[in-house]
N, C-alpha and C. Protein backbone atom coordinates (compact mmCIF):
# COMPACT_ATOMS: atom_id res chain seq x y z
N MET A 1 -1.39 -4.87 -5.17
CA MET A 1 -1.03 -5.00 -3.79
C MET A 1 0.32 -5.69 -3.71
N LEU A 2 1.23 -5.07 -2.99
CA LEU A 2 2.54 -5.67 -2.73
C LEU A 2 2.41 -6.40 -1.40
N ALA A 3 2.39 -7.71 -1.44
CA ALA A 3 2.01 -8.54 -0.31
C ALA A 3 3.04 -8.58 0.80
N GLY A 4 2.53 -8.65 2.00
CA GLY A 4 3.34 -8.89 3.18
C GLY A 4 3.05 -10.31 3.65
N ASP A 5 2.72 -10.47 4.93
CA ASP A 5 2.41 -11.80 5.42
C ASP A 5 1.07 -12.28 4.85
N GLU A 6 0.88 -13.57 4.85
CA GLU A 6 -0.28 -14.17 4.18
C GLU A 6 -1.62 -13.72 4.78
N ARG A 7 -1.70 -13.62 6.09
CA ARG A 7 -2.95 -13.22 6.73
C ARG A 7 -3.34 -11.80 6.34
N THR A 8 -2.40 -10.89 6.40
CA THR A 8 -2.67 -9.50 6.03
C THR A 8 -3.03 -9.40 4.55
N THR A 9 -2.32 -10.13 3.72
CA THR A 9 -2.60 -10.13 2.28
C THR A 9 -4.03 -10.59 2.01
N ARG A 10 -4.41 -11.69 2.64
CA ARG A 10 -5.76 -12.22 2.43
C ARG A 10 -6.83 -11.23 2.90
N ALA A 11 -6.63 -10.63 4.08
CA ALA A 11 -7.60 -9.67 4.61
C ALA A 11 -7.71 -8.45 3.71
N CYS A 12 -6.58 -7.91 3.28
CA CYS A 12 -6.60 -6.73 2.41
C CYS A 12 -7.27 -7.05 1.08
N ARG A 13 -6.95 -8.20 0.54
CA ARG A 13 -7.56 -8.58 -0.74
C ARG A 13 -9.08 -8.65 -0.62
N LEU A 14 -9.58 -9.26 0.44
CA LEU A 14 -11.03 -9.35 0.65
C LEU A 14 -11.66 -7.96 0.78
N ILE A 15 -10.99 -7.08 1.51
CA ILE A 15 -11.51 -5.71 1.66
C ILE A 15 -11.54 -5.00 0.32
N LEU A 16 -10.47 -5.08 -0.43
CA LEU A 16 -10.41 -4.40 -1.73
C LEU A 16 -11.46 -4.96 -2.68
N GLU A 17 -11.64 -6.26 -2.68
CA GLU A 17 -12.66 -6.86 -3.54
C GLU A 17 -14.06 -6.46 -3.09
N GLU A 18 -14.28 -6.34 -1.79
CA GLU A 18 -15.57 -5.89 -1.27
C GLU A 18 -15.87 -4.47 -1.75
N LEU A 19 -14.83 -3.68 -1.94
CA LEU A 19 -14.98 -2.31 -2.45
C LEU A 19 -15.08 -2.28 -3.97
N GLU A 20 -15.19 -3.48 -4.56
CA GLU A 20 -15.33 -3.64 -6.00
C GLU A 20 -14.11 -3.13 -6.78
N LEU A 21 -12.95 -3.30 -6.18
CA LEU A 21 -11.70 -2.97 -6.84
C LEU A 21 -11.06 -4.25 -7.37
N ALA A 22 -10.52 -4.20 -8.56
CA ALA A 22 -9.75 -5.33 -9.08
C ALA A 22 -8.44 -5.38 -8.31
N VAL A 23 -7.96 -6.56 -8.01
CA VAL A 23 -6.78 -6.70 -7.16
C VAL A 23 -5.73 -7.56 -7.86
N ASP A 24 -4.53 -7.02 -7.99
CA ASP A 24 -3.36 -7.77 -8.42
C ASP A 24 -2.45 -7.88 -7.20
N VAL A 25 -1.95 -9.07 -6.94
CA VAL A 25 -1.07 -9.28 -5.79
C VAL A 25 0.30 -9.71 -6.29
N VAL A 26 1.33 -9.03 -5.83
CA VAL A 26 2.71 -9.43 -6.14
C VAL A 26 3.48 -9.55 -4.83
N ARG A 27 4.53 -10.33 -4.86
CA ARG A 27 5.31 -10.56 -3.65
C ARG A 27 6.70 -9.93 -3.70
N GLU A 28 7.11 -9.47 -4.86
CA GLU A 28 8.45 -8.91 -5.00
C GLU A 28 8.36 -7.45 -5.43
N THR A 29 9.20 -6.63 -4.82
CA THR A 29 9.21 -5.20 -5.14
C THR A 29 9.50 -4.95 -6.61
N ALA A 30 10.45 -5.66 -7.17
CA ALA A 30 10.81 -5.44 -8.58
C ALA A 30 9.62 -5.70 -9.49
N THR A 31 8.85 -6.74 -9.20
CA THR A 31 7.66 -7.04 -10.00
C THR A 31 6.63 -5.93 -9.84
N ALA A 32 6.42 -5.48 -8.62
CA ALA A 32 5.46 -4.39 -8.38
C ALA A 32 5.85 -3.14 -9.16
N LEU A 33 7.12 -2.81 -9.15
CA LEU A 33 7.58 -1.62 -9.86
C LEU A 33 7.38 -1.76 -11.37
N ARG A 34 7.64 -2.94 -11.91
CA ARG A 34 7.41 -3.17 -13.35
C ARG A 34 5.94 -3.01 -13.69
N TRP A 35 5.06 -3.60 -12.88
CA TRP A 35 3.62 -3.50 -13.14
C TRP A 35 3.15 -2.05 -13.03
N LEU A 36 3.64 -1.34 -12.03
CA LEU A 36 3.26 0.07 -11.87
C LEU A 36 3.71 0.92 -13.05
N ALA A 37 4.84 0.59 -13.61
CA ALA A 37 5.35 1.35 -14.75
C ALA A 37 4.52 1.10 -16.01
N ARG A 38 3.87 -0.06 -16.08
CA ARG A 38 3.13 -0.43 -17.29
C ARG A 38 1.63 -0.19 -17.22
N ALA A 39 1.08 -0.09 -16.04
CA ALA A 39 -0.38 0.03 -15.90
C ALA A 39 -0.72 1.18 -14.96
N ARG A 40 -1.93 1.67 -15.10
CA ARG A 40 -2.39 2.75 -14.22
C ARG A 40 -3.19 2.14 -13.08
N TYR A 41 -2.66 2.22 -11.89
CA TYR A 41 -3.35 1.73 -10.70
C TYR A 41 -3.86 2.92 -9.91
N ASP A 42 -5.08 2.80 -9.40
CA ASP A 42 -5.65 3.85 -8.56
C ASP A 42 -5.08 3.78 -7.15
N LEU A 43 -4.70 2.58 -6.73
CA LEU A 43 -4.30 2.35 -5.35
C LEU A 43 -3.24 1.26 -5.29
N VAL A 44 -2.25 1.49 -4.45
CA VAL A 44 -1.26 0.45 -4.12
C VAL A 44 -1.29 0.29 -2.61
N VAL A 45 -1.48 -0.94 -2.15
CA VAL A 45 -1.40 -1.26 -0.73
C VAL A 45 -0.18 -2.14 -0.57
N CYS A 46 0.68 -1.79 0.37
CA CYS A 46 1.90 -2.59 0.53
C CYS A 46 2.26 -2.74 2.00
N ALA A 47 2.95 -3.83 2.28
CA ALA A 47 3.45 -4.12 3.61
C ALA A 47 4.96 -4.31 3.48
N PRO A 48 5.72 -3.24 3.66
CA PRO A 48 7.17 -3.32 3.43
C PRO A 48 7.89 -4.04 4.56
N PRO A 49 9.11 -4.51 4.27
CA PRO A 49 9.94 -5.04 5.36
C PRO A 49 10.18 -3.92 6.38
N PRO A 50 10.25 -4.24 7.66
CA PRO A 50 10.40 -3.20 8.69
C PRO A 50 11.57 -2.25 8.48
N ALA A 51 12.64 -2.72 7.86
CA ALA A 51 13.83 -1.88 7.70
C ALA A 51 13.77 -0.97 6.49
N ALA A 52 12.76 -1.11 5.62
CA ALA A 52 12.84 -0.40 4.35
C ALA A 52 11.59 0.37 3.91
N PRO A 53 10.74 0.86 4.80
CA PRO A 53 9.53 1.53 4.30
C PRO A 53 9.82 2.81 3.51
N ALA A 54 10.79 3.59 3.93
CA ALA A 54 11.07 4.85 3.22
C ALA A 54 11.62 4.57 1.82
N THR A 55 12.51 3.61 1.71
CA THR A 55 13.07 3.26 0.40
C THR A 55 11.99 2.75 -0.54
N LEU A 56 11.14 1.87 -0.03
CA LEU A 56 10.05 1.34 -0.85
C LEU A 56 9.10 2.46 -1.26
N ALA A 57 8.74 3.32 -0.34
CA ALA A 57 7.83 4.43 -0.65
C ALA A 57 8.41 5.32 -1.74
N PHE A 58 9.69 5.64 -1.64
CA PHE A 58 10.34 6.48 -2.64
C PHE A 58 10.31 5.82 -4.01
N ARG A 59 10.62 4.52 -4.05
CA ARG A 59 10.64 3.81 -5.34
C ARG A 59 9.25 3.72 -5.95
N LEU A 60 8.24 3.43 -5.13
CA LEU A 60 6.86 3.37 -5.64
C LEU A 60 6.42 4.74 -6.15
N ARG A 61 6.70 5.77 -5.38
CA ARG A 61 6.27 7.12 -5.76
C ARG A 61 6.96 7.58 -7.04
N ARG A 62 8.22 7.24 -7.20
CA ARG A 62 8.95 7.63 -8.41
C ARG A 62 8.32 7.01 -9.66
N VAL A 63 7.89 5.76 -9.56
CA VAL A 63 7.31 5.06 -10.70
C VAL A 63 5.85 5.46 -10.92
N ALA A 64 5.14 5.76 -9.84
CA ALA A 64 3.71 6.06 -9.93
C ALA A 64 3.39 7.35 -9.17
N PRO A 65 3.73 8.50 -9.74
CA PRO A 65 3.58 9.76 -9.01
C PRO A 65 2.15 10.14 -8.64
N ALA A 66 1.15 9.64 -9.35
CA ALA A 66 -0.23 10.03 -9.07
C ALA A 66 -1.04 8.95 -8.37
N THR A 67 -0.45 7.80 -8.12
CA THR A 67 -1.17 6.68 -7.51
C THR A 67 -1.26 6.85 -6.00
N ARG A 68 -2.42 6.53 -5.44
CA ARG A 68 -2.58 6.55 -3.99
C ARG A 68 -1.85 5.33 -3.43
N ILE A 69 -1.01 5.56 -2.42
CA ILE A 69 -0.23 4.48 -1.81
C ILE A 69 -0.57 4.43 -0.32
N VAL A 70 -0.95 3.24 0.14
CA VAL A 70 -1.20 3.00 1.56
C VAL A 70 -0.21 1.94 2.00
N MET A 71 0.59 2.29 3.00
CA MET A 71 1.63 1.40 3.49
C MET A 71 1.23 0.88 4.87
N LEU A 72 1.20 -0.44 5.02
CA LEU A 72 0.90 -1.07 6.29
C LEU A 72 2.21 -1.29 7.03
N THR A 73 2.51 -0.40 7.96
CA THR A 73 3.80 -0.48 8.65
C THR A 73 3.73 0.23 9.99
N ALA A 74 4.52 -0.25 10.93
CA ALA A 74 4.70 0.45 12.19
C ALA A 74 5.83 1.44 11.96
N ALA A 75 5.57 2.69 12.22
CA ALA A 75 6.59 3.70 11.93
C ALA A 75 6.63 4.75 13.03
N GLU A 76 7.82 5.24 13.28
CA GLU A 76 8.00 6.34 14.21
C GLU A 76 7.36 7.60 13.61
N PRO A 77 6.94 8.54 14.45
CA PRO A 77 6.29 9.76 13.94
C PRO A 77 7.10 10.49 12.87
N ALA A 78 8.42 10.55 13.02
CA ALA A 78 9.24 11.24 12.01
C ALA A 78 9.16 10.53 10.67
N LEU A 79 9.16 9.20 10.68
CA LEU A 79 9.05 8.44 9.44
C LEU A 79 7.66 8.60 8.83
N VAL A 80 6.64 8.59 9.67
CA VAL A 80 5.27 8.81 9.17
C VAL A 80 5.20 10.14 8.45
N GLN A 81 5.84 11.17 9.00
CA GLN A 81 5.85 12.48 8.35
C GLN A 81 6.62 12.45 7.04
N ASP A 82 7.76 11.77 7.03
CA ASP A 82 8.53 11.64 5.78
C ASP A 82 7.71 10.94 4.71
N LEU A 83 7.01 9.89 5.10
CA LEU A 83 6.17 9.16 4.14
C LEU A 83 5.02 10.05 3.67
N ALA A 84 4.43 10.80 4.58
CA ALA A 84 3.35 11.73 4.20
C ALA A 84 3.86 12.77 3.22
N ASP A 85 5.09 13.23 3.41
CA ASP A 85 5.68 14.19 2.48
C ASP A 85 5.82 13.61 1.07
N LEU A 86 5.95 12.28 0.99
CA LEU A 86 6.01 11.60 -0.31
C LEU A 86 4.61 11.28 -0.84
N GLY A 87 3.59 11.62 -0.04
CA GLY A 87 2.22 11.31 -0.45
C GLY A 87 1.84 9.87 -0.18
N VAL A 88 2.45 9.28 0.83
CA VAL A 88 2.18 7.89 1.19
C VAL A 88 1.45 7.87 2.53
N GLU A 89 0.31 7.21 2.57
CA GLU A 89 -0.46 7.06 3.80
C GLU A 89 0.08 5.87 4.58
N VAL A 90 0.06 5.98 5.90
CA VAL A 90 0.54 4.90 6.76
C VAL A 90 -0.62 4.37 7.59
N SER A 91 -0.75 3.05 7.61
CA SER A 91 -1.74 2.38 8.43
C SER A 91 -1.01 1.34 9.26
N PRO A 92 -1.35 1.20 10.53
CA PRO A 92 -0.65 0.22 11.37
C PRO A 92 -0.75 -1.19 10.79
N PRO A 93 0.31 -1.99 10.95
CA PRO A 93 0.31 -3.33 10.38
C PRO A 93 -0.61 -4.30 11.10
N LEU A 94 -0.94 -4.03 12.36
CA LEU A 94 -1.91 -4.88 13.05
C LEU A 94 -3.26 -4.51 12.48
N LEU A 95 -3.76 -5.35 11.64
CA LEU A 95 -4.87 -5.02 10.79
C LEU A 95 -6.17 -4.82 11.56
N ASP A 96 -6.66 -3.60 11.57
CA ASP A 96 -8.00 -3.28 12.05
C ASP A 96 -8.86 -3.19 10.80
N VAL A 97 -9.61 -4.25 10.55
CA VAL A 97 -10.35 -4.36 9.29
C VAL A 97 -11.28 -3.18 9.08
N ASN A 98 -11.98 -2.75 10.12
CA ASN A 98 -12.91 -1.63 9.97
C ASN A 98 -12.18 -0.33 9.62
N ALA A 99 -11.06 -0.08 10.28
CA ALA A 99 -10.30 1.14 9.98
C ALA A 99 -9.75 1.10 8.57
N LEU A 100 -9.23 -0.05 8.15
CA LEU A 100 -8.69 -0.16 6.79
C LEU A 100 -9.80 -0.01 5.76
N MET A 101 -10.95 -0.61 6.01
CA MET A 101 -12.09 -0.50 5.10
C MET A 101 -12.49 0.97 4.95
N GLU A 102 -12.57 1.68 6.05
CA GLU A 102 -12.94 3.10 6.00
C GLU A 102 -11.90 3.91 5.22
N ARG A 103 -10.63 3.63 5.44
CA ARG A 103 -9.55 4.34 4.74
C ARG A 103 -9.61 4.08 3.24
N LEU A 104 -9.79 2.82 2.87
CA LEU A 104 -9.77 2.46 1.45
C LEU A 104 -11.06 2.81 0.74
N LEU A 105 -12.13 2.97 1.46
CA LEU A 105 -13.42 3.33 0.87
C LEU A 105 -13.31 4.63 0.08
N ARG A 106 -12.43 5.52 0.50
CA ARG A 106 -12.23 6.79 -0.21
C ARG A 106 -11.74 6.58 -1.63
N THR A 107 -11.09 5.47 -1.91
CA THR A 107 -10.59 5.20 -3.26
C THR A 107 -11.74 4.98 -4.23
N ARG A 108 -12.78 4.34 -3.75
CA ARG A 108 -13.91 4.01 -4.62
C ARG A 108 -14.74 5.23 -4.97
N ALA A 109 -14.75 6.22 -4.12
CA ALA A 109 -15.60 7.41 -4.32
C ALA A 109 -15.17 8.25 -5.49
């Protein structure tokens, strides 16, 4: 998990652990990219800076072409489509725990 604000990070971590997923949390993009290059992750959850979701999505996808990526970000419809074209799912940053749990539950199946 590439962490955003502390509250969202804590909530996401609890959800992922409830789904019996091991969770690694990093705070820097460079660290996340290094870890992705060295290990096989089934899922990456990230909260990018508002100005850079497309850049972050591209960098993550380039390093981990088969990994499921869920990005917690507010995005315009055109950006959501661009991210979808990269195979990146978008979830609103205002955390709806039930919606996020339902979305991430598919990873465990």
